[in-house]
Amino acid sequence: GVLRDVSVHDDVVEVTITPTYSGCP
């Protein structure tokens, strides 16, 4: 569930990830 979103802007893929907790190494 860390992979939150994958979107395309022009020719660049933007990947949004969310840490399981703040400061996750």
mmCIF file of all heavy atoms, coordinates in Angstrom:
data_MODEL
# 
_entry.id   MODEL 
# 
loop_
_atom_site.group_PDB 
_atom_site.id 
_atom_site.type_symbol 
_atom_site.label_atom_id 
_atom_site.label_alt_id 
_atom_site.label_comp_id 
_atom_site.label_asym_id 
_atom_site.label_entity_id 
_atom_site.label_seq_id 
_atom_site.pdbx_PDB_ins_code 
_atom_site.Cartn_x 
_atom_site.Cartn_y 
_atom_site.Cartn_z 
_atom_site.occupancy 
_atom_site.B_iso_or_equiv 
_atom_site.pdbx_formal_charge 
_atom_site.auth_seq_id 
_atom_site.auth_comp_id 
_atom_site.auth_asym_id 
_atom_site.auth_atom_id 
_atom_site.pdbx_PDB_model_num 
ATOM 1   N N   . GLY A 1 1  ? 0.808  -1.214 0.000   1.00 0.00 ? 1  GLY A N   1 
ATOM 2   C CA  . GLY A 1 1  ? 0.000  0.000  0.000   1.00 0.00 ? 1  GLY A CA  1 
ATOM 3   C C   . GLY A 1 1  ? 0.838  1.259  0.000   1.00 0.00 ? 1  GLY A C   1 
ATOM 4   O O   . GLY A 1 1  ? 0.314  2.359  0.163   1.00 0.00 ? 1  GLY A O   1 
ATOM 5   N N   . VAL A 1 2  ? 2.153  1.109  -0.175  1.00 0.00 ? 2  VAL A N   1 
ATOM 6   C CA  . VAL A 1 2  ? 3.061  2.255  -0.223  1.00 0.00 ? 2  VAL A CA  1 
ATOM 7   C C   . VAL A 1 2  ? 2.945  2.961  -1.573  1.00 0.00 ? 2  VAL A C   1 
ATOM 8   O O   . VAL A 1 2  ? 3.054  4.185  -1.647  1.00 0.00 ? 2  VAL A O   1 
ATOM 9   C CB  . VAL A 1 2  ? 4.517  1.788  0.044   1.00 0.00 ? 2  VAL A CB  1 
ATOM 10  C CG1 . VAL A 1 2  ? 5.534  2.849  -0.319  1.00 0.00 ? 2  VAL A CG1 1 
ATOM 11  C CG2 . VAL A 1 2  ? 4.671  1.370  1.504   1.00 0.00 ? 2  VAL A CG2 1 
ATOM 12  N N   . LEU A 1 3  ? 2.694  2.216  -2.631  1.00 0.00 ? 3  LEU A N   1 
ATOM 13  C CA  . LEU A 1 3  ? 2.494  2.792  -3.964  1.00 0.00 ? 3  LEU A CA  1 
ATOM 14  C C   . LEU A 1 3  ? 1.084  3.375  -4.010  1.00 0.00 ? 3  LEU A C   1 
ATOM 15  O O   . LEU A 1 3  ? 0.100  2.655  -4.021  1.00 0.00 ? 3  LEU A O   1 
ATOM 16  C CB  . LEU A 1 3  ? 2.664  1.714  -5.046  1.00 0.00 ? 3  LEU A CB  1 
ATOM 17  C CG  . LEU A 1 3  ? 2.447  2.165  -6.486  1.00 0.00 ? 3  LEU A CG  1 
ATOM 18  C CD1 . LEU A 1 3  ? 3.464  3.222  -6.882  1.00 0.00 ? 3  LEU A CD1 1 
ATOM 19  C CD2 . LEU A 1 3  ? 2.519  0.961  -7.410  1.00 0.00 ? 3  LEU A CD2 1 
ATOM 20  N N   . ARG A 1 4  ? 1.000  4.699  -3.992  1.00 0.00 ? 4  ARG A N   1 
ATOM 21  C CA  . ARG A 1 4  ? -0.301 5.359  -3.896  1.00 0.00 ? 4  ARG A CA  1 
ATOM 22  C C   . ARG A 1 4  ? -0.864 5.811  -5.226  1.00 0.00 ? 4  ARG A C   1 
ATOM 23  O O   . ARG A 1 4  ? -2.078 5.799  -5.418  1.00 0.00 ? 4  ARG A O   1 
ATOM 24  C CB  . ARG A 1 4  ? -0.214 6.567  -2.947  1.00 0.00 ? 4  ARG A CB  1 
ATOM 25  C CG  . ARG A 1 4  ? 0.158  6.226  -1.533  1.00 0.00 ? 4  ARG A CG  1 
ATOM 26  C CD  . ARG A 1 4  ? -0.705 5.155  -0.895  1.00 0.00 ? 4  ARG A CD  1 
ATOM 27  N NE  . ARG A 1 4  ? -2.099 5.529  -0.911  1.00 0.00 ? 4  ARG A NE  1 
ATOM 28  C CZ  . ARG A 1 4  ? -3.113 4.677  -0.901  1.00 0.00 ? 4  ARG A CZ  1 
ATOM 29  N NH1 . ARG A 1 4  ? -2.898 3.395  -0.871  1.00 0.00 ? 4  ARG A NH1 1 
ATOM 30  N NH2 . ARG A 1 4  ? -4.351 5.087  -0.919  1.00 0.00 ? 4  ARG A NH2 1 
ATOM 31  N N   . ASP A 1 5  ? 0.009  6.253  -6.145  1.00 0.00 ? 5  ASP A N   1 
ATOM 32  C CA  . ASP A 1 5  ? -0.514 6.759  -7.407  1.00 0.00 ? 5  ASP A CA  1 
ATOM 33  C C   . ASP A 1 5  ? 0.567  6.726  -8.474  1.00 0.00 ? 5  ASP A C   1 
ATOM 34  O O   . ASP A 1 5  ? 1.750  6.883  -8.168  1.00 0.00 ? 5  ASP A O   1 
ATOM 35  C CB  . ASP A 1 5  ? -1.019 8.202  -7.241  1.00 0.00 ? 5  ASP A CB  1 
ATOM 36  C CG  . ASP A 1 5  ? -1.762 8.710  -8.459  1.00 0.00 ? 5  ASP A CG  1 
ATOM 37  O OD1 . ASP A 1 5  ? -2.549 7.944  -9.051  1.00 0.00 ? 5  ASP A OD1 1 
ATOM 38  O OD2 . ASP A 1 5  ? -1.540 9.875  -8.835  1.00 0.00 ? 5  ASP A OD2 1 
ATOM 39  N N   . VAL A 1 6  ? 0.135  6.487  -9.694  1.00 0.00 ? 6  VAL A N   1 
ATOM 40  C CA  . VAL A 1 6  ? 1.015  6.543  -10.863 1.00 0.00 ? 6  VAL A CA  1 
ATOM 41  C C   . VAL A 1 6  ? 0.265  7.358  -11.912 1.00 0.00 ? 6  VAL A C   1 
ATOM 42  O O   . VAL A 1 6  ? -0.825 6.971  -12.330 1.00 0.00 ? 6  VAL A O   1 
ATOM 43  C CB  . VAL A 1 6  ? 1.348  5.132  -11.407 1.00 0.00 ? 6  VAL A CB  1 
ATOM 44  C CG1 . VAL A 1 6  ? 2.203  5.235  -12.652 1.00 0.00 ? 6  VAL A CG1 1 
ATOM 45  C CG2 . VAL A 1 6  ? 2.039  4.291  -10.340 1.00 0.00 ? 6  VAL A CG2 1 
ATOM 46  N N   . SER A 1 7  ? 0.855  8.500  -12.279 1.00 0.00 ? 7  SER A N   1 
ATOM 47  C CA  . SER A 1 7  ? 0.213  9.352  -13.276 1.00 0.00 ? 7  SER A CA  1 
ATOM 48  C C   . SER A 1 7  ? 1.253  9.789  -14.302 1.00 0.00 ? 7  SER A C   1 
ATOM 49  O O   . SER A 1 7  ? 2.447  9.707  -14.067 1.00 0.00 ? 7  SER A O   1 
ATOM 50  C CB  . SER A 1 7  ? -0.432 10.573 -12.599 1.00 0.00 ? 7  SER A CB  1 
ATOM 51  O OG  . SER A 1 7  ? 0.522  11.294 -11.851 1.00 0.00 ? 7  SER A OG  1 
ATOM 52  N N   . VAL A 1 8  ? 0.757  10.222 -15.450 1.00 0.00 ? 8  VAL A N   1 
ATOM 53  C CA  . VAL A 1 8  ? 1.642  10.649 -16.537 1.00 0.00 ? 8  VAL A CA  1 
ATOM 54  C C   . VAL A 1 8  ? 1.399  12.124 -16.814 1.00 0.00 ? 8  VAL A C   1 
ATOM 55  O O   . VAL A 1 8  ? 0.253  12.563 -16.964 1.00 0.00 ? 8  VAL A O   1 
ATOM 56  C CB  . VAL A 1 8  ? 1.398  9.807  -17.818 1.00 0.00 ? 8  VAL A CB  1 
ATOM 57  C CG1 . VAL A 1 8  ? 2.271  10.297 -18.954 1.00 0.00 ? 8  VAL A CG1 1 
ATOM 58  C CG2 . VAL A 1 8  ? 1.622  8.332  -17.543 1.00 0.00 ? 8  VAL A CG2 1 
ATOM 59  N N   . HIS A 1 9  ? 2.504  12.885 -16.877 1.00 0.00 ? 9  HIS A N   1 
ATOM 60  C CA  . HIS A 1 9  ? 2.462  14.308 -17.194 1.00 0.00 ? 9  HIS A CA  1 
ATOM 61  C C   . HIS A 1 9  ? 3.444  14.528 -18.334 1.00 0.00 ? 9  HIS A C   1 
ATOM 62  O O   . HIS A 1 9  ? 4.654  14.397 -18.148 1.00 0.00 ? 9  HIS A O   1 
ATOM 63  C CB  . HIS A 1 9  ? 2.836  15.154 -15.974 1.00 0.00 ? 9  HIS A CB  1 
ATOM 64  C CG  . HIS A 1 9  ? 1.972  14.861 -14.790 1.00 0.00 ? 9  HIS A CG  1 
ATOM 65  N ND1 . HIS A 1 9  ? 0.718  15.402 -14.623 1.00 0.00 ? 9  HIS A ND1 1 
ATOM 66  C CD2 . HIS A 1 9  ? 2.168  14.044 -13.726 1.00 0.00 ? 9  HIS A CD2 1 
ATOM 67  C CE1 . HIS A 1 9  ? 0.182  14.948 -13.512 1.00 0.00 ? 9  HIS A CE1 1 
ATOM 68  N NE2 . HIS A 1 9  ? 1.047  14.122 -12.945 1.00 0.00 ? 9  HIS A NE2 1 
ATOM 69  N N   . ASP A 1 10 ? 2.901  14.808 -19.510 1.00 0.00 ? 10 ASP A N   1 
ATOM 70  C CA  . ASP A 1 10 ? 3.691  14.880 -20.739 1.00 0.00 ? 10 ASP A CA  1 
ATOM 71  C C   . ASP A 1 10 ? 4.340  13.514 -20.959 1.00 0.00 ? 10 ASP A C   1 
ATOM 72  O O   . ASP A 1 10 ? 3.634  12.548 -21.125 1.00 0.00 ? 10 ASP A O   1 
ATOM 73  C CB  . ASP A 1 10 ? 4.702  16.035 -20.708 1.00 0.00 ? 10 ASP A CB  1 
ATOM 74  C CG  . ASP A 1 10 ? 4.012  17.395 -20.626 1.00 0.00 ? 10 ASP A CG  1 
ATOM 75  O OD1 . ASP A 1 10 ? 2.989  17.559 -21.322 1.00 0.00 ? 10 ASP A OD1 1 
ATOM 76  O OD2 . ASP A 1 10 ? 4.474  18.260 -19.877 1.00 0.00 ? 10 ASP A OD2 1 
ATOM 77  N N   . ASP A 1 11 ? 5.654  13.429 -20.896 1.00 0.00 ? 11 ASP A N   1 
ATOM 78  C CA  . ASP A 1 11 ? 6.305  12.130 -21.105 1.00 0.00 ? 11 ASP A CA  1 
ATOM 79  C C   . ASP A 1 11 ? 6.993  11.639 -19.821 1.00 0.00 ? 11 ASP A C   1 
ATOM 80  O O   . ASP A 1 11 ? 7.863  10.782 -19.861 1.00 0.00 ? 11 ASP A O   1 
ATOM 81  C CB  . ASP A 1 11 ? 7.315  12.211 -22.250 1.00 0.00 ? 11 ASP A CB  1 
ATOM 82  C CG  . ASP A 1 11 ? 8.456  13.178 -21.964 1.00 0.00 ? 11 ASP A CG  1 
ATOM 83  O OD1 . ASP A 1 11 ? 8.309  14.023 -21.054 1.00 0.00 ? 11 ASP A OD1 1 
ATOM 84  O OD2 . ASP A 1 11 ? 9.495  13.080 -22.633 1.00 0.00 ? 11 ASP A OD2 1 
ATOM 85  N N   . VAL A 1 12 ? 6.575  12.185 -18.673 1.00 0.00 ? 12 VAL A N   1 
ATOM 86  C CA  . VAL A 1 12 ? 7.164  11.818 -17.383 1.00 0.00 ? 12 VAL A CA  1 
ATOM 87  C C   . VAL A 1 12 ? 6.120  11.115 -16.525 1.00 0.00 ? 12 VAL A C   1 
ATOM 88  O O   . VAL A 1 12 ? 4.989  11.580 -16.387 1.00 0.00 ? 12 VAL A O   1 
ATOM 89  C CB  . VAL A 1 12 ? 7.705  13.067 -16.637 1.00 0.00 ? 12 VAL A CB  1 
ATOM 90  C CG1 . VAL A 1 12 ? 8.253  12.696 -15.265 1.00 0.00 ? 12 VAL A CG1 1 
ATOM 91  C CG2 . VAL A 1 12 ? 8.760  13.772 -17.466 1.00 0.00 ? 12 VAL A CG2 1 
ATOM 92  N N   . VAL A 1 13 ? 6.532  9.989  -15.953 1.00 0.00 ? 13 VAL A N   1 
ATOM 93  C CA  . VAL A 1 13 ? 5.657  9.247  -15.042 1.00 0.00 ? 13 VAL A CA  1 
ATOM 94  C C   . VAL A 1 13 ? 5.928  9.745  -13.628 1.00 0.00 ? 13 VAL A C   1 
ATOM 95  O O   . VAL A 1 13 ? 7.073  9.757  -13.170 1.00 0.00 ? 13 VAL A O   1 
ATOM 96  C CB  . VAL A 1 13 ? 5.912  7.729  -15.143 1.00 0.00 ? 13 VAL A CB  1 
ATOM 97  C CG1 . VAL A 1 13 ? 5.173  6.983  -14.046 1.00 0.00 ? 13 VAL A CG1 1 
ATOM 98  C CG2 . VAL A 1 13 ? 5.498  7.211  -16.504 1.00 0.00 ? 13 VAL A CG2 1 
ATOM 99  N N   . GLU A 1 14 ? 4.884  10.178 -12.956 1.00 0.00 ? 14 GLU A N   1 
ATOM 100 C CA  . GLU A 1 14 ? 5.016  10.615 -11.563 1.00 0.00 ? 14 GLU A CA  1 
ATOM 101 C C   . GLU A 1 14 ? 4.476  9.506  -10.669 1.00 0.00 ? 14 GLU A C   1 
ATOM 102 O O   . GLU A 1 14 ? 3.334  9.068  -10.820 1.00 0.00 ? 14 GLU A O   1 
ATOM 103 C CB  . GLU A 1 14 ? 4.250  11.906 -11.316 1.00 0.00 ? 14 GLU A CB  1 
ATOM 104 C CG  . GLU A 1 14 ? 4.447  12.434 -9.905  1.00 0.00 ? 14 GLU A CG  1 
ATOM 105 C CD  . GLU A 1 14 ? 3.824  13.800 -9.701  1.00 0.00 ? 14 GLU A CD  1 
ATOM 106 O OE1 . GLU A 1 14 ? 4.467  14.796 -10.082 1.00 0.00 ? 14 GLU A OE1 1 
ATOM 107 O OE2 . GLU A 1 14 ? 2.706  13.839 -9.168  1.00 0.00 ? 14 GLU A OE2 1 
ATOM 108 N N   . VAL A 1 15 ? 5.327  9.054  -9.765  1.00 0.00 ? 15 VAL A N   1 
ATOM 109 C CA  . VAL A 1 15 ? 4.978  7.973  -8.841  1.00 0.00 ? 15 VAL A CA  1 
ATOM 110 C C   . VAL A 1 15 ? 4.890  8.557  -7.439  1.00 0.00 ? 15 VAL A C   1 
ATOM 111 O O   . VAL A 1 15 ? 5.842  9.171  -6.956  1.00 0.00 ? 15 VAL A O   1 
ATOM 112 C CB  . VAL A 1 15 ? 6.038  6.847  -8.880  1.00 0.00 ? 15 VAL A CB  1 
ATOM 113 C CG1 . VAL A 1 15 ? 5.693  5.754  -7.894  1.00 0.00 ? 15 VAL A CG1 1 
ATOM 114 C CG2 . VAL A 1 15 ? 6.176  6.294  -10.291 1.00 0.00 ? 15 VAL A CG2 1 
ATOM 115 N N   . THR A 1 16 ? 3.742  8.377  -6.805  1.00 0.00 ? 16 THR A N   1 
ATOM 116 C CA  . THR A 1 16 ? 3.556  8.849  -5.437  1.00 0.00 ? 16 THR A CA  1 
ATOM 117 C C   . THR A 1 16 ? 3.625  7.660  -4.494  1.00 0.00 ? 16 THR A C   1 
ATOM 118 O O   . THR A 1 16 ? 2.923  6.673  -4.679  1.00 0.00 ? 16 THR A O   1 
ATOM 119 C CB  . THR A 1 16 ? 2.205  9.568  -5.270  1.00 0.00 ? 16 THR A CB  1 
ATOM 120 O OG1 . THR A 1 16 ? 2.143  10.641 -6.212  1.00 0.00 ? 16 THR A OG1 1 
ATOM 121 C CG2 . THR A 1 16 ? 2.027  10.111 -3.859  1.00 0.00 ? 16 THR A CG2 1 
ATOM 122 N N   . ILE A 1 17 ? 4.518  7.785  -3.495  1.00 0.00 ? 17 ILE A N   1 
ATOM 123 C CA  . ILE A 1 17 ? 4.660  6.746  -2.480  1.00 0.00 ? 17 ILE A CA  1 
ATOM 124 C C   . ILE A 1 17 ? 4.424  7.360  -1.106  1.00 0.00 ? 17 ILE A C   1 
ATOM 125 O O   . ILE A 1 17 ? 4.697  8.536  -0.891  1.00 0.00 ? 17 ILE A O   1 
ATOM 126 C CB  . ILE A 1 17 ? 6.048  6.059  -2.540  1.00 0.00 ? 17 ILE A CB  1 
ATOM 127 C CG1 . ILE A 1 17 ? 7.185  7.077  -2.484  1.00 0.00 ? 17 ILE A CG1 1 
ATOM 128 C CG2 . ILE A 1 17 ? 6.150  5.190  -3.794  1.00 0.00 ? 17 ILE A CG2 1 
ATOM 129 C CD1 . ILE A 1 17 ? 8.587  6.469  -2.474  1.00 0.00 ? 17 ILE A CD1 1 
ATOM 130 N N   . THR A 1 18 ? 3.883  6.556  -0.196  1.00 0.00 ? 18 THR A N   1 
ATOM 131 C CA  . THR A 1 18 ? 3.605  6.992  1.164   1.00 0.00 ? 18 THR A CA  1 
ATOM 132 C C   . THR A 1 18 ? 4.347  6.084  2.124   1.00 0.00 ? 18 THR A C   1 
ATOM 133 O O   . THR A 1 18 ? 4.194  4.859  2.053   1.00 0.00 ? 18 THR A O   1 
ATOM 134 C CB  . THR A 1 18 ? 2.084  6.940  1.448   1.00 0.00 ? 18 THR A CB  1 
ATOM 135 O OG1 . THR A 1 18 ? 1.433  7.848  0.559   1.00 0.00 ? 18 THR A OG1 1 
ATOM 136 C CG2 . THR A 1 18 ? 1.771  7.330  2.879   1.00 0.00 ? 18 THR A CG2 1 
ATOM 137 N N   . PRO A 1 19 ? 5.150  6.656  3.033   1.00 0.00 ? 19 PRO A N   1 
ATOM 138 C CA  . PRO A 1 19 ? 5.879  5.815  3.986   1.00 0.00 ? 19 PRO A CA  1 
ATOM 139 C C   . PRO A 1 19 ? 4.930  5.143  4.973   1.00 0.00 ? 19 PRO A C   1 
ATOM 140 O O   . PRO A 1 19 ? 3.870  5.687  5.303   1.00 0.00 ? 19 PRO A O   1 
ATOM 141 C CB  . PRO A 1 19 ? 6.800  6.803  4.697   1.00 0.00 ? 19 PRO A CB  1 
ATOM 142 C CG  . PRO A 1 19 ? 6.172  8.140  4.519   1.00 0.00 ? 19 PRO A CG  1 
ATOM 143 C CD  . PRO A 1 19 ? 5.416  8.086  3.231   1.00 0.00 ? 19 PRO A CD  1 
ATOM 144 N N   . THR A 1 20 ? 5.336  3.979  5.452   1.00 0.00 ? 20 THR A N   1 
ATOM 145 C CA  . THR A 1 20 ? 4.520  3.277  6.446   1.00 0.00 ? 20 THR A CA  1 
ATOM 146 C C   . THR A 1 20 ? 4.499  4.032  7.759   1.00 0.00 ? 20 THR A C   1 
ATOM 147 O O   . THR A 1 20 ? 3.563  3.901  8.534   1.00 0.00 ? 20 THR A O   1 
ATOM 148 C CB  . THR A 1 20 ? 5.034  1.843  6.680   1.00 0.00 ? 20 THR A CB  1 
ATOM 149 O OG1 . THR A 1 20 ? 6.413  1.900  7.042   1.00 0.00 ? 20 THR A OG1 1 
ATOM 150 C CG2 . THR A 1 20 ? 4.835  0.987  5.446   1.00 0.00 ? 20 THR A CG2 1 
ATOM 151 N N   . TYR A 1 21 ? 5.528  4.811  8.015   1.00 0.00 ? 21 TYR A N   1 
ATOM 152 C CA  . TYR A 1 21 ? 5.538  5.727  9.155   1.00 0.00 ? 21 TYR A CA  1 
ATOM 153 C C   . TYR A 1 21 ? 6.561  6.818  8.872   1.00 0.00 ? 21 TYR A C   1 
ATOM 154 O O   . TYR A 1 21 ? 7.463  6.635  8.048   1.00 0.00 ? 21 TYR A O   1 
ATOM 155 C CB  . TYR A 1 21 ? 5.830  4.997  10.484  1.00 0.00 ? 21 TYR A CB  1 
ATOM 156 C CG  . TYR A 1 21 ? 7.233  4.478  10.597  1.00 0.00 ? 21 TYR A CG  1 
ATOM 157 C CD1 . TYR A 1 21 ? 8.224  5.227  11.227  1.00 0.00 ? 21 TYR A CD1 1 
ATOM 158 C CD2 . TYR A 1 21 ? 7.575  3.248  10.055  1.00 0.00 ? 21 TYR A CD2 1 
ATOM 159 C CE1 . TYR A 1 21 ? 9.525  4.754  11.299  1.00 0.00 ? 21 TYR A CE1 1 
ATOM 160 C CE2 . TYR A 1 21 ? 8.874  2.779  10.134  1.00 0.00 ? 21 TYR A CE2 1 
ATOM 161 C CZ  . TYR A 1 21 ? 9.835  3.532  10.759  1.00 0.00 ? 21 TYR A CZ  1 
ATOM 162 O OH  . TYR A 1 21 ? 11.117 3.069  10.838  1.00 0.00 ? 21 TYR A OH  1 
ATOM 163 N N   . SER A 1 22 ? 6.434  7.924  9.549   1.00 0.00 ? 22 SER A N   1 
ATOM 164 C CA  . SER A 1 22 ? 7.331  9.060  9.335   1.00 0.00 ? 22 SER A CA  1 
ATOM 165 C C   . SER A 1 22 ? 8.758  8.653  9.669   1.00 0.00 ? 22 SER A C   1 
ATOM 166 O O   . SER A 1 22 ? 9.032  8.105  10.728  1.00 0.00 ? 22 SER A O   1 
ATOM 167 C CB  . SER A 1 22 ? 6.889  10.223 10.224  1.00 0.00 ? 22 SER A CB  1 
ATOM 168 O OG  . SER A 1 22 ? 7.721  11.331 10.009  1.00 0.00 ? 22 SER A OG  1 
ATOM 169 N N   . GLY A 1 23 ? 9.663  8.897  8.735   1.00 0.00 ? 23 GLY A N   1 
ATOM 170 C CA  . GLY A 1 23 ? 11.062 8.565  8.945   1.00 0.00 ? 23 GLY A CA  1 
ATOM 171 C C   . GLY A 1 23 ? 11.428 7.139  8.594   1.00 0.00 ? 23 GLY A C   1 
ATOM 172 O O   . GLY A 1 23 ? 12.520 6.682  8.928   1.00 0.00 ? 23 GLY A O   1 
ATOM 173 N N   . CYS A 1 24 ? 10.566 6.425  7.900   1.00 0.00 ? 24 CYS A N   1 
ATOM 174 C CA  . CYS A 1 24 ? 10.851 5.039  7.515   1.00 0.00 ? 24 CYS A CA  1 
ATOM 175 C C   . CYS A 1 24 ? 12.131 4.994  6.685   1.00 0.00 ? 24 CYS A C   1 
ATOM 176 O O   . CYS A 1 24 ? 12.213 5.617  5.619   1.00 0.00 ? 24 CYS A O   1 
ATOM 177 C CB  . CYS A 1 24 ? 9.694  4.464  6.711   1.00 0.00 ? 24 CYS A CB  1 
ATOM 178 S SG  . CYS A 1 24 ? 10.005 2.806  6.078   1.00 0.00 ? 24 CYS A SG  1 
ATOM 179 N N   . PRO A 1 25 ? 13.156 4.252  7.153   1.00 0.00 ? 25 PRO A N   1 
ATOM 180 C CA  . PRO A 1 25 ? 14.431 4.228  6.434   1.00 0.00 ? 25 PRO A CA  1 
ATOM 181 C C   . PRO A 1 25 ? 14.363 3.517  5.081   1.00 0.00 ? 25 PRO A C   1 
ATOM 182 O O   . PRO A 1 25 ? 15.225 3.726  4.240   1.00 0.00 ? 25 PRO A O   1 
ATOM 183 C CB  . PRO A 1 25 ? 15.369 3.489  7.385   1.00 0.00 ? 25 PRO A CB  1 
ATOM 184 C CG  . PRO A 1 25 ? 14.473 2.667  8.240   1.00 0.00 ? 25 PRO A CG  1 
ATOM 185 C CD  . PRO A 1 25 ? 13.187 3.435  8.357   1.00 0.00 ? 25 PRO A CD  1 
# 
